[in-house]
Protein backbone atom coordinates (compact mmCIF):
# COMPACT_ATOMS: atom_id res chain seq x y z
CA UNK A 1 -40.59 18.75 -16.88
CA UNK A 2 -38.42 17.91 -13.77
CA UNK A 3 -36.22 15.00 -14.50
CA UNK A 4 -33.85 13.13 -11.51
CA UNK A 5 -30.63 12.82 -11.92
CA UNK A 6 -28.40 11.02 -9.37
CA UNK A 7 -24.79 12.76 -9.01
CA UNK A 8 -21.83 11.19 -7.53
CA UNK A 9 -18.36 12.42 -6.06
CA UNK A 10 -15.46 10.87 -4.54
CA UNK A 11 -12.51 12.73 -2.85
CA UNK A 12 -9.29 11.01 -1.72
CA UNK A 13 -8.01 12.44 1.98
CA UNK A 14 -4.00 13.36 2.54
CA UNK A 15 -4.09 9.95 4.29
CA UNK A 16 -5.60 8.35 0.93
CA UNK A 17 -9.03 7.68 2.82
CA UNK A 18 -11.86 8.53 0.58
CA UNK A 19 -15.00 10.16 1.11
CA UNK A 20 -17.84 9.99 -1.10
CA UNK A 21 -21.16 11.98 -1.85
CA UNK A 22 -24.47 10.87 -3.22
CA UNK A 23 -27.10 13.47 -4.84
CA UNK A 24 -30.62 12.77 -5.78
CA UNK A 25 -32.57 15.59 -6.37
CA UNK A 26 -36.40 15.58 -6.48
CA UNK A 27 -39.45 17.99 -6.78
CA UNK A 28 -40.58 17.07 -3.19
CA UNK A 29 -37.54 16.45 -1.27
CA UNK A 30 -33.86 16.47 -1.40
CA UNK A 31 -32.09 13.04 -0.94
CA UNK A 32 -28.38 12.36 -0.38
CA UNK A 33 -25.84 9.95 1.02
CA UNK A 34 -22.33 11.19 2.19
CA UNK A 35 -19.95 8.18 2.80
CA UNK A 36 -16.69 7.69 4.22
CA UNK A 37 -14.00 4.94 4.59
CA UNK A 38 -14.48 4.16 8.14
CA UNK A 39 -16.38 1.52 10.05
CA UNK A 40 -18.24 2.17 12.94
CA UNK A 41 -18.99 -0.97 15.50
CA UNK A 42 -22.43 -2.27 15.61
CA UNK A 43 -22.48 -1.73 19.07
CA UNK A 44 -21.99 2.15 18.29
CA UNK A 45 -24.50 2.60 16.01
CA UNK A 46 -27.52 3.26 18.06
CA UNK A 47 -25.38 5.87 20.26
CA UNK A 48 -23.79 7.69 17.15
CA UNK A 49 -25.88 10.59 17.63
CA UNK A 50 -26.27 10.72 21.45
CA UNK A 51 -24.92 14.08 22.70
CA UNK A 52 -20.78 13.95 23.76
CA UNK A 53 -20.83 10.34 22.43
CA UNK A 54 -17.75 9.30 20.82
CA UNK A 55 -16.61 5.77 19.44
CA UNK A 56 -13.91 4.28 21.51
CA UNK A 57 -10.74 4.04 19.69
CA UNK A 58 -12.60 5.50 16.48
CA UNK A 59 -10.47 8.81 16.45
CA UNK A 60 -7.76 7.10 13.92
CA UNK A 61 -6.29 10.74 12.93
CA UNK A 62 -6.06 12.33 17.31
CA UNK A 63 -7.81 15.26 16.12
CA UNK A 64 -10.13 14.78 19.32
CA UNK A 65 -13.58 16.43 19.34
CA UNK A 66 -16.38 16.64 21.99
CA UNK A 67 -18.75 13.82 20.50
CA UNK A 68 -21.82 17.04 19.79
CA UNK A 69 -21.23 17.08 15.76
CA UNK A 70 -23.38 14.27 15.11
CA UNK A 71 -26.06 15.25 17.77
CA UNK A 72 -26.11 18.59 16.38
CA UNK A 73 -26.36 17.71 12.64
CA UNK A 74 -29.29 15.33 13.71
CA UNK A 75 -31.47 18.20 15.77
CA UNK A 76 -30.77 20.30 12.72
CA UNK A 77 -32.23 18.16 10.18
CA UNK A 78 -35.19 17.05 12.38
CA UNK A 79 -35.98 20.91 12.84
CA UNK A 80 -36.39 21.12 9.18
CA UNK A 81 -38.59 17.93 9.11
CA UNK A 82 -36.25 15.85 7.88
CA UNK A 83 -34.16 12.66 8.53
CA UNK A 84 -30.97 11.26 9.00
CA UNK A 85 -30.11 7.30 9.28
CA UNK A 86 -26.46 5.93 9.69
CA UNK A 87 -25.40 2.60 8.44
CA UNK A 88 -21.60 1.41 8.71
CA UNK A 89 -20.68 -2.28 7.06
CA UNK A 90 -17.46 -3.44 4.93
CA UNK A 91 -15.26 -0.65 5.83
CA UNK A 92 -17.75 2.19 4.86
CA UNK A 93 -19.80 4.27 7.05
CA UNK A 94 -23.13 5.98 5.12
CA UNK A 95 -25.03 8.83 6.46
CA UNK A 96 -28.52 9.22 4.57
CA UNK A 97 -30.10 12.40 4.98
CA UNK A 98 -33.82 13.34 3.23
CA UNK A 99 -34.98 16.96 3.41
CA UNK A 100 -38.62 17.89 2.46
CA UNK A 101 -38.62 20.75 0.00
CA UNK A 102 -42.14 21.43 0.59
CA UNK A 103 -43.43 22.55 3.81
CA UNK A 104 -46.56 21.64 5.35
CA UNK A 105 -46.63 24.28 7.66
CA UNK A 106 -47.04 27.30 5.04
CA UNK A 107 -49.80 28.58 3.45
CA UNK A 108 -50.68 26.94 -0.05
CA UNK A 109 -50.61 30.66 -1.91
CA UNK A 110 -47.19 30.07 -0.85
CA UNK A 111 -46.16 26.58 -2.37
């Protein structure tokens, strides 16, 4: 019998920022949350998955970027019939991803 077991892990980056993940397996979907210790302004959240969008003054590590990463992640997850959601508050940003483990397009014999 399948038992759900929630796993949580955190790590600290070299500049003492935290990044955490939470993983909850299921018989029908994969659900996980990735969190990092950086808050995205509320006005930027609706645009976060747009191609080439970069949060103004959001690159505190000064590494640059093109603004394509989250757009590509969203398209990849949607291609797998999944969802991704972001929220940001109290100094943390949380990305919640859900992916189906059973695909509707496959014949019943393969499921």
